[in-house]
Amino acid sequence: MVEPRTLALDAMGGDHGPDVIIPGAALSLVRHPQLSFILFGDEARIAPVLDRNPALKSKSRIVHTSLAVNMDDKPSQALRRGKGSSMWLALEAVKMGEAHAAVSAGNTGAMMAMARLVLRPMAGIERPAIAALWPTIKSECIVLDVGANIGATGQQLSEFALMGAAMARALFHVERPTVGLLNVGVEEIKGGDEVKEAHAILKGTDLPFDYRGYIEGDEIGQGKVDVVVVEGFAGNIALKTAEGTARQIGQYLKDAMTSSWVAKTGALLARGGFKVLKHKMDPRRVNGGTFLGLNGIAVKSHGGTDALGFASAVDLGYEMAESGLLVRLGSDLDGFHHTLDKAASGM
C-alpha cells in the first residue's frame, strides 16, 4: 500500500517563484495523488496561483514568510540572513518531521549550506554530495558529485559511491547497482592520487554494490554503469557540458530540418521519431539534484526550469521519500567504516 507523503516546497525559489512552483506541484500531484504539500513563502503571491489549481489547493497549506534567499546570494550571506526564509523553513520542516522531503529551485550554494546546518550530515559522512539523474542510451544513471564540493579525498569519493548506490537501489530497484569511477582513462596508472586512492578502496573492500573500476566520460551516456562517481568540480563541468551539447544538437536538427522544402517534407514524415528524440533529450525529464549524505531528503531543481521541470524535481523528492533510502544508506555506511577501521588496525 502506498503511504501518504508530505513535501515541503520553497515556493519563492528559482527565477519564477510561485508561477512555476505551484503548477509544477500540481502536475506532480496528478501522478502521485497521495502527496500533500506545505508551501513556504509570501502568501500574497502564493494564494492567487494556488486558487487556479483547486486540486492542489485541497492538498496544500501555506506557511507565510516574507523572507526569501536571492539567487545571487553567497552561501555565507544566506546563512546570516536566511533563517526564517522560505528555503530555511522548508528544510526545517523535514528536520522536524513535518515533511518527508524538501524541494527548492533556489540558490544551490545557499541550499547546500542551509541543508548542512539544518539537517546535518549523516554519521560517517565527511561531505554531502549532489547526485543528478543522467539520461543514457539504455535508461538513466546517477552521477555524483555534480557541484557540492570542489575536490574530494579518496575516502570521500568512496562514500559518494555508497551514497550513489543507495540512490540507485531506491530509484532503479536493483539490489547490487554497478558503480564506476570517472577518470581520464581506464588504465590503472592514470588519474590523480585521490582517484587512485578511491579505486584502491573500492576494489579492495566488500561493498553492497558491483564496482566496475574506471570509466571515461564518453561512457556515461552509454549507460555502462548505474552510478558514476566524480568530484564536484569535474562533475559540474561534465553536467553543464552535457546539457549544452543536448541543446546544441537540438538546434542543429531544427536548422537542418527547416533548411529546404525537401528537408521540411522529410521532417514532416519523420515527426513521430523526432517527437521521441525530443522527449529523450528534454532535460526537464531528469530535473532535480538530490543532496545525499544528510539526515533528511532535499532536492534541488534548476532555477530556470518551467512547471514540467519542477514537477520532475517534486517526483524525485517523492520517490526518494518513498524508498527508505536513508535507513539503508545508514546501514551501508556503518558497514563500510567498520571494514575500513578493521583494515587500519590490521585485524
C-alpha atoms as a PDB file:
ATOM      1  CA  MET A   1       0.000   0.000   0.000  1.00  0.00           C
ATOM      2  CA  VAL A   2       1.340   3.428  -0.963  1.00  0.00           C
ATOM      3  CA  GLU A   3       1.641   5.704   2.055  1.00  0.00           C
ATOM      4  CA  PRO A   4       0.757   9.422   2.030  1.00  0.00           C
ATOM      5  CA  ARG A   5       3.783  11.683   1.771  1.00  0.00           C
ATOM      6  CA  THR A   6       4.165  15.377   2.535  1.00  0.00           C
ATOM      7  CA  LEU A   7       6.666  17.530   0.680  1.00  0.00           C
ATOM      8  CA  ALA A   8       7.887  20.958   1.806  1.00  0.00           C
ATOM      9  CA  LEU A   9       8.257  23.354  -1.118  1.00  0.00           C
ATOM     10  CA  ASP A  10      10.248  26.581  -1.206  1.00  0.00           C
ATOM     11  CA  ALA A  11       7.570  28.441  -3.149  1.00  0.00           C
ATOM     12  CA  MET A  12       9.759  31.523  -3.660  1.00  0.00           C
ATOM     13  CA  GLY A  13      12.796  29.697  -5.091  1.00  0.00           C
ATOM     14  CA  GLY A  14      14.041  29.896  -8.651  1.00  0.00           C
ATOM     15  CA  ASP A  15      13.671  32.510 -11.356  1.00  0.00           C
ATOM     16  CA  HIS A  16       9.865  32.473 -11.388  1.00  0.00           C
ATOM     17  CA  GLY A  17       8.751  31.634  -7.847  1.00  0.00           C
ATOM     18  CA  PRO A  18       5.118  30.556  -7.322  1.00  0.00           C
ATOM     19  CA  ASP A  19       4.273  30.934 -11.041  1.00  0.00           C
ATOM     20  CA  VAL A  20       6.329  27.782 -11.714  1.00  0.00           C
ATOM     21  CA  ILE A  21       6.406  26.074  -8.305  1.00  0.00           C
ATOM     22  CA  ILE A  22       2.613  25.826  -7.922  1.00  0.00           C
ATOM     23  CA  PRO A  23       1.812  24.498 -11.433  1.00  0.00           C
ATOM     24  CA  GLY A  24       4.751  22.101 -11.150  1.00  0.00           C
ATOM     25  CA  ALA A  25       3.463  20.708  -7.866  1.00  0.00           C
ATOM     26  CA  ALA A  26       0.002  20.381  -9.450  1.00  0.00           C
ATOM     27  CA  LEU A  27       1.448  18.263 -12.278  1.00  0.00           C
ATOM     28  CA  SER A  28       3.240  16.001  -9.817  1.00  0.00           C
ATOM     29  CA  LEU A  29       0.061  15.614  -7.756  1.00  0.00           C
ATOM     30  CA  VAL A  30      -1.699  14.154 -10.801  1.00  0.00           C
ATOM     31  CA  ARG A  31       0.988  11.447 -10.952  1.00  0.00           C
ATOM     32  CA  HIS A  32       1.132  10.955  -7.168  1.00  0.00           C
ATOM     33  CA  PRO A  33      -2.327  11.712  -5.718  1.00  0.00           C
ATOM     34  CA  GLN A  34      -1.199  10.540  -2.264  1.00  0.00           C
ATOM     35  CA  LEU A  35       1.015  13.637  -1.951  1.00  0.00           C
ATOM     36  CA  SER A  36       0.303  16.697   0.145  1.00  0.00           C
ATOM     37  CA  PHE A  37       2.311  19.900   0.325  1.00  0.00           C
ATOM     38  CA  ILE A  38       3.449  22.638   2.673  1.00  0.00           C
ATOM     39  CA  LEU A  39       4.158  25.800   0.695  1.00  0.00           C
ATOM     40  CA  PHE A  40       6.591  28.248   2.288  1.00  0.00           C
ATOM     41  CA  GLY A  41       6.707  31.849   1.094  1.00  0.00           C
ATOM     42  CA  ASP A  42       4.807  35.065   0.554  1.00  0.00           C
ATOM     43  CA  GLU A  43       1.130  34.168   0.942  1.00  0.00           C
ATOM     44  CA  ALA A  44       0.038  37.185  -1.103  1.00  0.00           C
ATOM     45  CA  ARG A  45       1.931  35.776  -4.100  1.00  0.00           C
ATOM     46  CA  ILE A  46       1.211  32.105  -3.485  1.00  0.00           C
ATOM     47  CA  ALA A  47      -2.550  32.218  -2.822  1.00  0.00           C
ATOM     48  CA  PRO A  48      -3.722  33.625  -6.203  1.00  0.00           C
ATOM     49  CA  VAL A  49      -1.725  30.991  -8.126  1.00  0.00           C
ATOM     50  CA  LEU A  50      -2.931  28.244  -5.793  1.00  0.00           C
ATOM     51  CA  ASP A  51      -6.549  29.353  -6.356  1.00  0.00           C
ATOM     52  CA  ARG A  52      -6.094  28.494 -10.044  1.00  0.00           C
ATOM     53  CA  ASN A  53      -5.130  24.941  -9.076  1.00  0.00           C
ATOM     54  CA  PRO A  54      -8.035  23.714  -6.902  1.00  0.00           C
ATOM     55  CA  ALA A  55      -6.902  20.077  -6.709  1.00  0.00           C
ATOM     56  CA  LEU A  56      -3.520  21.174  -5.378  1.00  0.00           C
ATOM     57  CA  LYS A  57      -5.121  23.698  -3.036  1.00  0.00           C
ATOM     58  CA  SER A  58      -7.114  20.935  -1.364  1.00  0.00           C
ATOM     59  CA  LYS A  59      -3.873  19.085  -0.586  1.00  0.00           C
ATOM     60  CA  SER A  60      -1.756  22.075   0.482  1.00  0.00           C
ATOM     61  CA  ARG A  61      -1.284  24.586   3.252  1.00  0.00           C
ATOM     62  CA  ILE A  62       0.653  27.841   3.133  1.00  0.00           C
ATOM     63  CA  VAL A  63       3.172  28.927   5.749  1.00  0.00           C
ATOM     64  CA  HIS A  64       3.786  32.629   5.261  1.00  0.00           C
ATOM     65  CA  THR A  65       7.203  34.237   5.364  1.00  0.00           C
ATOM     66  CA  SER A  66       8.330  37.455   3.757  1.00  0.00           C
ATOM     67  CA  LEU A  67      11.954  36.319   3.678  1.00  0.00           C
ATOM     68  CA  ALA A  68      13.466  34.639   0.631  1.00  0.00           C
ATOM     69  CA  VAL A  69      17.004  33.767  -0.447  1.00  0.00           C
ATOM     70  CA  ASN A  70      18.134  35.634  -3.563  1.00  0.00           C
ATOM     71  CA  MET A  71      19.559  33.656  -6.462  1.00  0.00           C
ATOM     72  CA  ASP A  72      22.804  35.664  -6.306  1.00  0.00           C
ATOM     73  CA  ASP A  73      23.317  35.471  -2.530  1.00  0.00           C
ATOM     74  CA  LYS A  74      26.571  33.928  -1.397  1.00  0.00           C
ATOM     75  CA  PRO A  75      26.196  30.919   0.925  1.00  0.00           C
ATOM     76  CA  SER A  76      27.648  32.944   3.797  1.00  0.00           C
ATOM     77  CA  GLN A  77      25.091  35.716   3.206  1.00  0.00           C
ATOM     78  CA  ALA A  78      22.263  33.194   3.045  1.00  0.00           C
ATOM     79  CA  LEU A  79      23.296  31.672   6.373  1.00  0.00           C
ATOM     80  CA  ARG A  80      23.482  35.084   8.046  1.00  0.00           C
ATOM     81  CA  ARG A  81      20.203  36.434   6.680  1.00  0.00           C
ATOM     82  CA  GLY A  82      18.287  33.353   5.616  1.00  0.00           C
ATOM     83  CA  LYS A  83      16.984  31.940   8.883  1.00  0.00           C
ATOM     84  CA  GLY A  84      13.207  32.072   8.622  1.00  0.00           C
ATOM     85  CA  SER A  85      13.295  32.262   4.813  1.00  0.00           C
ATOM     86  CA  SER A  86      11.142  30.035   2.621  1.00  0.00           C
ATOM     87  CA  MET A  87      14.134  27.802   1.882  1.00  0.00           C
ATOM     88  CA  TRP A  88      15.168  27.517   5.517  1.00  0.00           C
ATOM     89  CA  LEU A  89      11.628  26.724   6.691  1.00  0.00           C
ATOM     90  CA  ALA A  90      11.192  24.028   4.031  1.00  0.00           C
ATOM     91  CA  LEU A  91      14.358  22.290   5.252  1.00  0.00           C
ATOM     92  CA  GLU A  92      13.338  22.761   8.868  1.00  0.00           C
ATOM     93  CA  ALA A  93      10.012  21.050   8.149  1.00  0.00           C
ATOM     94  CA  VAL A  94      11.968  17.935   7.151  1.00  0.00           C
ATOM     95  CA  LYS A  95      14.119  18.151  10.277  1.00  0.00           C
ATOM     96  CA  MET A  96      11.035  18.432  12.495  1.00  0.00           C
ATOM     97  CA  GLY A  97       9.304  15.515  10.808  1.00  0.00           C
ATOM     98  CA  GLU A  98       6.516  17.634   9.327  1.00  0.00           C
ATOM     99  CA  ALA A  99       7.587  16.767   5.757  1.00  0.00           C
ATOM    100  CA  HIS A 100       9.286  13.786   4.159  1.00  0.00           C
ATOM    101  CA  ALA A 101      11.395  15.855   1.734  1.00  0.00           C
ATOM    102  CA  ALA A 102      12.137  19.469   0.806  1.00  0.00           C
ATOM    103  CA  VAL A 103      12.266  20.740  -2.779  1.00  0.00           C
ATOM    104  CA  SER A 104      13.619  24.109  -3.885  1.00  0.00           C
ATOM    105  CA  ALA A 105      14.579  25.772  -7.160  1.00  0.00           C
ATOM    106  CA  GLY A 106      16.564  28.391  -5.275  1.00  0.00           C
ATOM    107  CA  ASN A 107      20.241  29.230  -4.896  1.00  0.00           C
ATOM    108  CA  THR A 108      22.264  25.976  -4.957  1.00  0.00           C
ATOM    109  CA  GLY A 109      25.126  27.127  -2.734  1.00  0.00           C
ATOM    110  CA  ALA A 110      22.738  28.626  -0.205  1.00  0.00           C
ATOM    111  CA  MET A 111      20.618  25.488  -0.132  1.00  0.00           C
ATOM    112  CA  MET A 112      23.598  23.218   0.439  1.00  0.00           C
ATOM    113  CA  ALA A 113      24.903  25.454   3.225  1.00  0.00           C
ATOM    114  CA  MET A 114      21.493  25.609   4.886  1.00  0.00           C
ATOM    115  CA  ALA A 115      20.835  21.895   4.430  1.00  0.00           C
ATOM    116  CA  ARG A 116      24.137  21.009   6.087  1.00  0.00           C
ATOM    117  CA  LEU A 117      23.310  23.275   9.016  1.00  0.00           C
ATOM    118  CA  VAL A 118      19.645  22.305   9.406  1.00  0.00           C
ATOM    119  CA  LEU A 119      19.664  18.597   8.501  1.00  0.00           C
ATOM    120  CA  ARG A 120      23.287  17.821   9.419  1.00  0.00           C
ATOM    121  CA  PRO A 121      25.463  15.228   7.656  1.00  0.00           C
ATOM    122  CA  MET A 122      24.830  11.580   8.456  1.00  0.00           C
ATOM    123  CA  ALA A 123      27.233   9.830  10.806  1.00  0.00           C
ATOM    124  CA  GLY A 124      30.305   8.766   8.848  1.00  0.00           C
ATOM    125  CA  ILE A 125      29.833  11.288   6.025  1.00  0.00           C
ATOM    126  CA  GLU A 126      32.618  13.838   5.635  1.00  0.00           C
ATOM    127  CA  ARG A 127      30.959  15.731   2.775  1.00  0.00           C
ATOM    128  CA  PRO A 128      27.426  15.520   1.367  1.00  0.00           C
ATOM    129  CA  ALA A 129      27.179  15.390  -2.418  1.00  0.00           C
ATOM    130  CA  ILE A 130      24.712  16.420  -5.098  1.00  0.00           C
ATOM    131  CA  ALA A 131      23.531  13.481  -7.204  1.00  0.00           C
ATOM    132  CA  ALA A 132      21.921  14.012 -10.614  1.00  0.00           C
ATOM    133  CA  LEU A 133      19.975  11.684 -12.869  1.00  0.00           C
ATOM    134  CA  TRP A 134      21.662  11.382 -16.270  1.00  0.00           C
ATOM    135  CA  PRO A 135      19.935  10.105 -19.450  1.00  0.00           C
ATOM    136  CA  THR A 136      21.714   7.232 -21.197  1.00  0.00           C
ATOM    137  CA  ILE A 137      21.031   5.177 -24.322  1.00  0.00           C
ATOM    138  CA  LYS A 138      19.806   2.392 -22.019  1.00  0.00           C
ATOM    139  CA  SER A 139      17.793   4.362 -19.474  1.00  0.00           C
ATOM    140  CA  GLU A 140      19.291   6.587 -16.780  1.00  0.00           C
ATOM    141  CA  CYS A 141      22.254   6.586 -14.443  1.00  0.00           C
ATOM    142  CA  ILE A 142      23.231   8.594 -11.367  1.00  0.00           C
ATOM    143  CA  VAL A 143      26.228  10.928 -11.364  1.00  0.00           C
ATOM    144  CA  LEU A 144      27.681  12.431  -8.187  1.00  0.00           C
ATOM    145  CA  ASP A 145      29.084  14.796  -7.114  1.00  0.00           C
ATOM    146  CA  VAL A 146      27.889  17.442  -9.596  1.00  0.00           C
ATOM    147  CA  GLY A 147      28.793  20.556  -7.671  1.00  0.00           C
ATOM    148  CA  ALA A 148      28.556  20.383  -3.900  1.00  0.00           C
ATOM    149  CA  ASN A 149      32.321  20.043  -3.361  1.00  0.00           C
ATOM    150  CA  ILE A 150      35.447  21.203  -5.118  1.00  0.00           C
ATOM    151  CA  GLY A 151      37.861  18.308  -4.842  1.00  0.00           C
ATOM    152  CA  ALA A 152      37.483  15.166  -2.740  1.00  0.00           C
ATOM    153  CA  THR A 153      39.732  12.673  -0.992  1.00  0.00           C
ATOM    154  CA  GLY A 154      39.791   9.008  -1.894  1.00  0.00           C
ATOM    155  CA  GLN A 155      37.658   8.123   1.132  1.00  0.00           C
ATOM    156  CA  GLN A 156      35.127  10.835   0.286  1.00  0.00           C
ATOM    157  CA  LEU A 157      34.844   9.511  -3.271  1.00  0.00           C
ATOM    158  CA  SER A 158      34.260   6.061  -1.796  1.00  0.00           C
ATOM    159  CA  GLU A 159      31.475   7.476   0.372  1.00  0.00           C
ATOM    160  CA  PHE A 160      29.973   9.069  -2.757  1.00  0.00           C
ATOM    161  CA  ALA A 161      29.921   5.578  -4.281  1.00  0.00           C
ATOM    162  CA  LEU A 162      27.953   4.238  -1.309  1.00  0.00           C
ATOM    163  CA  MET A 163      25.501   7.150  -1.463  1.00  0.00           C
ATOM    164  CA  GLY A 164      25.005   6.812  -5.207  1.00  0.00           C
ATOM    165  CA  ALA A 165      24.469   3.065  -4.931  1.00  0.00           C
ATOM    166  CA  ALA A 166      21.826   3.582  -2.235  1.00  0.00           C
ATOM    167  CA  MET A 167      20.033   6.060  -4.501  1.00  0.00           C
ATOM    168  CA  ALA A 168      20.247   3.639  -7.438  1.00  0.00           C
ATOM    169  CA  ARG A 169      18.650   0.885  -5.367  1.00  0.00           C
ATOM    170  CA  ALA A 170      15.878   3.287  -4.398  1.00  0.00           C
ATOM    171  CA  LEU A 171      15.131   4.589  -7.895  1.00  0.00           C
ATOM    172  CA  PHE A 172      16.173   1.752 -10.214  1.00  0.00           C
ATOM    173  CA  HIS A 173      15.152  -1.119  -7.924  1.00  0.00           C
ATOM    174  CA  VAL A 174      18.369  -3.104  -8.399  1.00  0.00           C
ATOM    175  CA  GLU A 175      19.890  -4.777  -5.349  1.00  0.00           C
ATOM    176  CA  ARG A 176      23.541  -4.537  -6.482  1.00  0.00           C
ATOM    177  CA  PRO A 177      23.975  -1.435  -8.642  1.00  0.00           C
ATOM    178  CA  THR A 178      27.060  -1.154 -10.840  1.00  0.00           C
ATOM    179  CA  VAL A 179      29.429   1.682  -9.938  1.00  0.00           C
ATOM    180  CA  GLY A 180      32.251   3.286 -11.905  1.00  0.00           C
ATOM    181  CA  LEU A 181      34.857   5.905 -11.019  1.00  0.00           C
ATOM    182  CA  LEU A 182      35.189   8.661 -13.641  1.00  0.00           C
ATOM    183  CA  ASN A 183      38.777   9.020 -14.819  1.00  0.00           C
ATOM    184  CA  VAL A 184      40.854  10.233 -17.762  1.00  0.00           C
ATOM    185  CA  GLY A 185      41.411   6.626 -18.834  1.00  0.00           C
ATOM    186  CA  VAL A 186      40.690   3.074 -17.785  1.00  0.00           C
ATOM    187  CA  GLU A 187      44.324   2.102 -17.239  1.00  0.00           C
ATOM    188  CA  GLU A 188      45.416   1.565 -13.611  1.00  0.00           C
ATOM    189  CA  ILE A 189      48.265   4.078 -13.893  1.00  0.00           C
ATOM    190  CA  LYS A 190      46.027   7.007 -14.936  1.00  0.00           C
ATOM    191  CA  GLY A 191      44.341   9.563 -12.729  1.00  0.00           C
ATOM    192  CA  GLY A 192      45.157  11.799  -9.790  1.00  0.00           C
ATOM    193  CA  ASP A 193      46.196  10.491  -6.384  1.00  0.00           C
ATOM    194  CA  GLU A 194      42.694  10.894  -4.924  1.00  0.00           C
ATOM    195  CA  VAL A 195      41.118   8.880  -7.750  1.00  0.00           C
ATOM    196  CA  LYS A 196      43.733   6.138  -7.404  1.00  0.00           C
ATOM    197  CA  GLU A 197      43.153   6.045  -3.644  1.00  0.00           C
ATOM    198  CA  ALA A 198      39.391   5.713  -4.137  1.00  0.00           C
ATOM    199  CA  HIS A 199      39.954   2.983  -6.717  1.00  0.00           C
ATOM    200  CA  ALA A 200      42.080   1.012  -4.260  1.00  0.00           C
ATOM    201  CA  ILE A 201      39.475   1.358  -1.500  1.00  0.00           C
ATOM    202  CA  LEU A 202      36.559   0.380  -3.724  1.00  0.00           C
ATOM    203  CA  LYS A 203      38.431  -2.523  -5.305  1.00  0.00           C
ATOM    204  CA  GLY A 204      39.688  -3.910  -2.016  1.00  0.00           C
ATOM    205  CA  THR A 205      36.589  -3.581   0.184  1.00  0.00           C
ATOM    206  CA  ASP A 206      33.487  -5.776   0.406  1.00  0.00           C
ATOM    207  CA  LEU A 207      30.718  -3.367  -0.597  1.00  0.00           C
ATOM    208  CA  PRO A 208      26.963  -3.637  -1.283  1.00  0.00           C
ATOM    209  CA  PHE A 209      27.394  -2.867  -4.990  1.00  0.00           C
ATOM    210  CA  ASP A 210      29.309  -4.073  -8.045  1.00  0.00           C
ATOM    211  CA  TYR A 211      32.377  -1.887  -8.551  1.00  0.00           C
ATOM    212  CA  ARG A 212      33.436  -1.876 -12.229  1.00  0.00           C
ATOM    213  CA  GLY A 213      36.582   0.251 -11.946  1.00  0.00           C
ATOM    214  CA  TYR A 214      37.406   3.317 -14.036  1.00  0.00           C
ATOM    215  CA  ILE A 215      35.144   4.648 -16.774  1.00  0.00           C
ATOM    216  CA  GLU A 216      35.699   7.541 -19.180  1.00  0.00           C
ATOM    217  CA  GLY A 217      33.444  10.482 -19.899  1.00  0.00           C
ATOM    218  CA  ASP A 218      32.058   9.124 -23.160  1.00  0.00           C
ATOM    219  CA  GLU A 219      30.852   6.006 -21.337  1.00  0.00           C
ATOM    220  CA  ILE A 220      28.437   7.885 -19.048  1.00  0.00           C
ATOM    221  CA  GLY A 221      25.836   8.297 -21.784  1.00  0.00           C
ATOM    222  CA  GLN A 222      26.329   4.694 -22.897  1.00  0.00           C
ATOM    223  CA  GLY A 223      24.878   3.555 -19.583  1.00  0.00           C
ATOM    224  CA  LYS A 224      27.916   1.426 -18.761  1.00  0.00           C
ATOM    225  CA  VAL A 225      27.201   1.662 -15.018  1.00  0.00           C
ATOM    226  CA  ASP A 226      24.285   2.651 -12.778  1.00  0.00           C
ATOM    227  CA  VAL A 227      26.381   5.103 -10.743  1.00  0.00           C
ATOM    228  CA  VAL A 228      29.248   7.354 -11.855  1.00  0.00           C
ATOM    229  CA  VAL A 229      31.438   8.790  -9.079  1.00  0.00           C
ATOM    230  CA  VAL A 230      33.385  12.028  -9.595  1.00  0.00           C
ATOM    231  CA  GLU A 231      34.471  15.009  -7.509  1.00  0.00           C
ATOM    232  CA  GLY A 232      32.249  18.087  -7.747  1.00  0.00           C
ATOM    233  CA  PHE A 233      34.366  20.365  -9.942  1.00  0.00           C
ATOM    234  CA  ALA A 234      34.705  17.895 -12.806  1.00  0.00           C
ATOM    235  CA  GLY A 235      31.178  16.605 -12.224  1.00  0.00           C
ATOM    236  CA  ASN A 236      29.615  20.028 -12.600  1.00  0.00           C
ATOM    237  CA  ILE A 237      31.588  20.734 -15.765  1.00  0.00           C
ATOM    238  CA  ALA A 238      30.500  17.373 -17.205  1.00  0.00           C
ATOM    239  CA  LEU A 239      26.855  18.086 -16.352  1.00  0.00           C
ATOM    240  CA  LYS A 240      26.812  21.576 -17.869  1.00  0.00           C
ATOM    241  CA  THR A 241      28.682  20.342 -20.958  1.00  0.00           C
ATOM    242  CA  ALA A 242      26.155  17.554 -21.496  1.00  0.00           C
ATOM    243  CA  GLU A 243      23.213  19.938 -21.113  1.00  0.00           C
ATOM    244  CA  GLY A 244      24.771  22.387 -23.546  1.00  0.00           C
ATOM    245  CA  THR A 245      25.542  19.641 -26.060  1.00  0.00           C
ATOM    246  CA  ALA A 246      21.929  18.440 -25.931  1.00  0.00           C
ATOM    247  CA  ARG A 247      20.699  21.963 -26.724  1.00  0.00           C
ATOM    248  CA  GLN A 248      23.310  22.289 -29.481  1.00  0.00           C
ATOM    249  CA  ILE A 249      22.239  19.045 -31.158  1.00  0.00           C
ATOM    250  CA  GLY A 250      18.607  20.092 -30.866  1.00  0.00           C
ATOM    251  CA  GLN A 251      19.374  23.360 -32.639  1.00  0.00           C
ATOM    252  CA  TYR A 252      21.382  21.556 -35.348  1.00  0.00           C
ATOM    253  CA  LEU A 253      18.412  19.283 -36.031  1.00  0.00           C
ATOM    254  CA  LYS A 254      15.961  22.160 -36.105  1.00  0.00           C
ATOM    255  CA  ASP A 255      18.139  24.136 -38.534  1.00  0.00           C
ATOM    256  CA  ALA A 256      18.705  21.097 -40.761  1.00  0.00           C
ATOM    257  CA  MET A 257      15.021  20.165 -40.879  1.00  0.00           C
ATOM    258  CA  THR A 258      13.984  23.683 -41.923  1.00  0.00           C
ATOM    259  CA  SER A 259      16.794  24.349 -44.403  1.00  0.00           C
ATOM    260  CA  SER A 260      14.776  23.494 -47.550  1.00  0.00           C
ATOM    261  CA  TRP A 261      11.363  22.290 -48.668  1.00  0.00           C
ATOM    262  CA  VAL A 262      12.777  18.775 -49.089  1.00  0.00           C
ATOM    263  CA  ALA A 263      14.097  18.810 -45.507  1.00  0.00           C
ATOM    264  CA  LYS A 264      10.764  20.127 -44.254  1.00  0.00           C
ATOM    265  CA  THR A 265       8.923  17.334 -46.036  1.00  0.00           C
ATOM    266  CA  GLY A 266      11.294  14.771 -44.544  1.00  0.00           C
ATOM    267  CA  ALA A 267      10.804  16.273 -41.103  1.00  0.00           C
ATOM    268  CA  LEU A 268       7.025  16.031 -41.513  1.00  0.00           C
ATOM    269  CA  LEU A 269       7.274  12.365 -42.438  1.00  0.00           C
ATOM    270  CA  ALA A 270       9.653  11.673 -39.532  1.00  0.00           C
ATOM    271  CA  ARG A 271       7.785  13.755 -36.965  1.00  0.00           C
ATOM    272  CA  GLY A 272       6.994  10.698 -34.822  1.00  0.00           C
ATOM    273  CA  GLY A 273      10.650   9.799 -34.498  1.00  0.00           C
ATOM    274  CA  PHE A 274      11.623  13.396 -33.787  1.00  0.00           C
ATOM    275  CA  LYS A 275       8.980  13.572 -31.073  1.00  0.00           C
ATOM    276  CA  VAL A 276      10.550  10.567 -29.349  1.00  0.00           C
ATOM    277  CA  LEU A 277      14.033  12.091 -29.726  1.00  0.00           C
ATOM    278  CA  LYS A 278      12.856  15.421 -28.316  1.00  0.00           C
ATOM    279  CA  HIS A 279      11.382  13.669 -25.300  1.00  0.00           C
ATOM    280  CA  LYS A 280      14.579  11.718 -24.605  1.00  0.00           C
ATOM    281  CA  MET A 281      16.750  14.827 -24.923  1.00  0.00           C
ATOM    282  CA  ASP A 282      14.487  17.033 -22.801  1.00  0.00           C
ATOM    283  CA  PRO A 283      16.487  17.947 -19.653  1.00  0.00           C
ATOM    284  CA  ARG A 284      13.251  18.689 -17.810  1.00  0.00           C
ATOM    285  CA  ARG A 285      12.600  14.946 -17.544  1.00  0.00           C
ATOM    286  CA  VAL A 286      15.540  14.492 -15.188  1.00  0.00           C
ATOM    287  CA  ASN A 287      15.479  17.881 -13.494  1.00  0.00           C
ATOM    288  CA  GLY A 288      16.469  17.771  -9.862  1.00  0.00           C
ATOM    289  CA  GLY A 289      19.630  17.035  -7.927  1.00  0.00           C
ATOM    290  CA  THR A 290      19.442  15.187  -4.609  1.00  0.00           C
ATOM    291  CA  PHE A 291      21.589  16.245  -1.668  1.00  0.00           C
ATOM    292  CA  LEU A 292      22.908  12.902  -0.420  1.00  0.00           C
ATOM    293  CA  GLY A 293      24.565  12.276   2.934  1.00  0.00           C
ATOM    294  CA  LEU A 294      22.212  14.369   5.083  1.00  0.00           C
ATOM    295  CA  ASN A 295      19.754  13.357   7.796  1.00  0.00           C
ATOM    296  CA  GLY A 296      16.852  14.209   5.548  1.00  0.00           C
ATOM    297  CA  ILE A 297      15.930  14.425   1.887  1.00  0.00           C
ATOM    298  CA  ALA A 298      16.481  17.675  -0.006  1.00  0.00           C
ATOM    299  CA  VAL A 299      16.069  18.076  -3.767  1.00  0.00           C
ATOM    300  CA  LYS A 300      17.404  20.999  -5.775  1.00  0.00           C
ATOM    301  CA  SER A 301      15.615  21.922  -9.009  1.00  0.00           C
ATOM    302  CA  HIS A 302      17.177  24.049 -11.738  1.00  0.00           C
ATOM    303  CA  GLY A 303      16.344  27.673 -11.040  1.00  0.00           C
ATOM    304  CA  GLY A 304      15.269  28.494 -14.575  1.00  0.00           C
ATOM    305  CA  THR A 305      13.063  25.468 -15.177  1.00  0.00           C
ATOM    306  CA  ASP A 306       9.379  25.543 -16.068  1.00  0.00           C
ATOM    307  CA  ALA A 307       6.440  23.764 -14.426  1.00  0.00           C
ATOM    308  CA  LEU A 308       7.180  20.475 -16.194  1.00  0.00           C
ATOM    309  CA  GLY A 309      10.783  20.527 -14.987  1.00  0.00           C
ATOM    310  CA  PHE A 310       9.825  21.406 -11.424  1.00  0.00           C
ATOM    311  CA  ALA A 311       7.287  18.586 -11.451  1.00  0.00           C
ATOM    312  CA  SER A 312      10.174  16.200 -12.192  1.00  0.00           C
ATOM    313  CA  ALA A 313      12.029  17.512  -9.136  1.00  0.00           C
ATOM    314  CA  VAL A 314       8.907  17.011  -7.000  1.00  0.00           C
ATOM    315  CA  ASP A 315       8.545  13.482  -8.400  1.00  0.00           C
ATOM    316  CA  LEU A 316      12.152  12.793  -7.398  1.00  0.00           C
ATOM    317  CA  GLY A 317      11.527  14.080  -3.879  1.00  0.00           C
ATOM    318  CA  TYR A 318       8.537  11.777  -3.576  1.00  0.00           C
ATOM    319  CA  GLU A 319      10.425   8.731  -4.897  1.00  0.00           C
ATOM    320  CA  MET A 320      13.341   9.345  -2.556  1.00  0.00           C
ATOM    321  CA  ALA A 321      10.993   9.701   0.429  1.00  0.00           C
ATOM    322  CA  GLU A 322       9.103   6.559  -0.555  1.00  0.00           C
ATOM    323  CA  SER A 323      12.221   4.430  -0.949  1.00  0.00           C
ATOM    324  CA  GLY A 324      13.539   4.208   2.607  1.00  0.00           C
ATOM    325  CA  LEU A 325      16.907   5.376   1.300  1.00  0.00           C
ATOM    326  CA  LEU A 326      18.176   6.971   4.500  1.00  0.00           C
ATOM    327  CA  VAL A 327      17.837   3.813   6.609  1.00  0.00           C
ATOM    328  CA  ARG A 328      19.606   1.639   4.033  1.00  0.00           C
ATOM    329  CA  LEU A 329      22.364   4.194   3.477  1.00  0.00           C
ATOM    330  CA  GLY A 330      22.980   4.488   7.205  1.00  0.00           C
ATOM    331  CA  SER A 331      23.445   0.720   7.426  1.00  0.00           C
ATOM    332  CA  ASP A 332      25.778   0.701   4.405  1.00  0.00           C
ATOM    333  CA  LEU A 333      27.920   3.471   5.901  1.00  0.00           C
ATOM    334  CA  ASP A 334      28.228   1.675   9.231  1.00  0.00           C
ATOM    335  CA  GLY A 335      29.453  -1.455   7.475  1.00  0.00           C
ATOM    336  CA  PHE A 336      31.862   0.466   5.245  1.00  0.00           C
ATOM    337  CA  HIS A 337      33.562   2.366   8.057  1.00  0.00           C
ATOM    338  CA  HIS A 338      33.706  -0.741  10.234  1.00  0.00           C
ATOM    339  CA  THR A 339      35.556  -2.522   7.409  1.00  0.00           C
ATOM    340  CA  LEU A 340      37.978   0.392   6.980  1.00  0.00           C
ATOM    341  CA  ASP A 341      38.620   0.531  10.739  1.00  0.00           C
ATOM    342  CA  LYS A 342      39.399  -3.194  10.838  1.00  0.00           C
ATOM    343  CA  ALA A 343      41.798  -2.858   7.897  1.00  0.00           C
ATOM    344  CA  ALA A 344      43.545   0.129   9.504  1.00  0.00           C
ATOM    345  CA  SER A 345      44.028  -1.754  12.775  1.00  0.00           C
ATOM    346  CA  GLY A 346      45.429  -4.786  10.983  1.00  0.00           C
ATOM    347  CA  MET A 347      42.684  -7.143  12.158  1.00  0.00           C
END
